């Protein structure tokens, strides 16, 4: 355990951030899963709404440093391809 006050504070801050980042990642994963289910059930309107929500969540996660920019863009790209196939 750290002896210096600032090091103790840093440990607490990193624990808080880690916990919140886990929450963000699990929320994004659950939205991705539900979107895949909606696409497989061919529900166009619900899947579009879910996709827009996912896109904003991923943007927030990128701005907070949870995901890298290219990772988020890859996820969005793959899901948008699936969504386009559903619309056709």
Protein backbone atom coordinates (compact mmCIF):
# COMPACT_ATOMS: atom_id res chain seq x y z
CA UNK A 1 0.00 0.00 0.00
CA UNK A 2 1.17 3.49 -0.76
CA UNK A 3 2.46 5.73 2.03
CA UNK A 4 2.16 9.07 0.25
CA UNK A 5 -1.17 10.87 0.41
CA UNK A 6 -1.26 11.68 -3.32
CA UNK A 7 -0.52 8.05 -4.21
CA UNK A 8 -3.41 6.88 -2.01
CA UNK A 9 -5.68 9.39 -3.73
CA UNK A 10 -4.53 8.16 -7.14
CA UNK A 11 -5.36 4.57 -6.18
CA UNK A 12 -8.88 5.58 -5.16
CA UNK A 13 -9.37 7.60 -8.35
CA UNK A 14 -8.21 4.77 -10.58
CA UNK A 15 -10.54 2.33 -8.80
CA UNK A 16 -13.50 4.66 -9.41
CA UNK A 17 -12.61 5.13 -13.06
CA UNK A 18 -12.09 1.40 -13.58
CA UNK A 19 -15.48 0.63 -12.08
CA UNK A 20 -17.26 3.24 -14.19
CA UNK A 21 -15.46 2.11 -17.36
CA UNK A 22 -16.58 -1.48 -16.69
CA UNK A 23 -20.13 -0.18 -16.40
CA UNK A 24 -19.83 1.64 -19.73
CA UNK A 25 -18.36 -1.39 -21.50
CA UNK A 26 -21.01 -3.78 -20.24
CA UNK A 27 -23.76 -1.34 -21.22
CA UNK A 28 -22.33 -1.08 -24.74
CA UNK A 29 -21.99 -4.85 -25.02
CA UNK A 30 -25.59 -5.38 -23.95
CA UNK A 31 -26.81 -2.82 -26.51
CA UNK A 32 -24.79 -4.60 -29.21
CA UNK A 33 -26.32 -7.94 -28.26
CA UNK A 34 -29.85 -6.55 -28.24
CA UNK A 35 -29.22 -4.88 -31.62
CA UNK A 36 -28.02 -8.17 -33.09
CA UNK A 37 -31.16 -9.87 -31.77
CA UNK A 38 -33.37 -7.16 -33.28
CA UNK A 39 -31.60 -7.49 -36.62
CA UNK A 40 -31.97 -11.27 -36.60
CA UNK A 41 -35.70 -10.86 -35.83
CA UNK A 42 -35.96 -8.37 -38.71
CA UNK A 43 -37.37 -5.50 -36.66
CA UNK A 44 -36.33 -2.50 -38.73
CA UNK A 45 -37.60 0.46 -36.70
CA UNK A 46 -36.45 -0.86 -33.33
CA UNK A 47 -33.05 -1.78 -34.70
CA UNK A 48 -32.56 1.71 -36.17
CA UNK A 49 -33.38 3.33 -32.82
CA UNK A 50 -31.08 0.93 -31.02
CA UNK A 51 -28.30 1.59 -33.54
CA UNK A 52 -28.52 5.35 -33.00
CA UNK A 53 -28.39 4.85 -29.23
CA UNK A 54 -25.38 2.58 -29.60
CA UNK A 55 -23.59 5.06 -31.82
CA UNK A 56 -23.94 7.84 -29.24
CA UNK A 57 -22.83 5.52 -26.42
CA UNK A 58 -19.73 4.56 -28.39
CA UNK A 59 -18.95 8.21 -29.10
CA UNK A 60 -19.15 8.98 -25.40
CA UNK A 61 -16.94 5.99 -24.61
CA UNK A 62 -14.34 7.16 -27.12
CA UNK A 63 -14.33 10.67 -25.70
CA UNK A 64 -13.84 9.29 -22.19
CA UNK A 65 -11.04 6.97 -23.32
CA UNK A 66 -12.86 3.69 -22.72
CA UNK A 67 -12.56 2.59 -26.34
CA UNK A 68 -10.12 3.65 -29.02
CA UNK A 69 -11.48 5.59 -31.96
CA UNK A 70 -10.82 2.87 -34.55
CA UNK A 71 -12.37 0.17 -32.37
CA UNK A 72 -15.59 2.12 -32.02
CA UNK A 73 -15.66 2.93 -35.72
CA UNK A 74 -15.15 -0.75 -36.58
CA UNK A 75 -18.05 -1.78 -34.34
CA UNK A 76 -20.32 0.86 -35.87
CA UNK A 77 -19.28 -0.09 -39.39
CA UNK A 78 -19.99 -3.79 -38.94
CA UNK A 79 -23.36 -3.19 -37.35
CA UNK A 80 -24.35 -0.64 -39.98
CA UNK A 81 -23.58 -3.23 -42.68
CA UNK A 82 -25.91 -5.69 -40.97
CA UNK A 83 -28.54 -3.00 -40.68
CA UNK A 84 -28.27 -2.12 -44.39
CA UNK A 85 -28.80 -5.77 -45.33
CA UNK A 86 -31.94 -5.79 -43.20
CA UNK A 87 -33.35 -2.72 -44.94
CA UNK A 88 -32.90 -4.20 -48.43
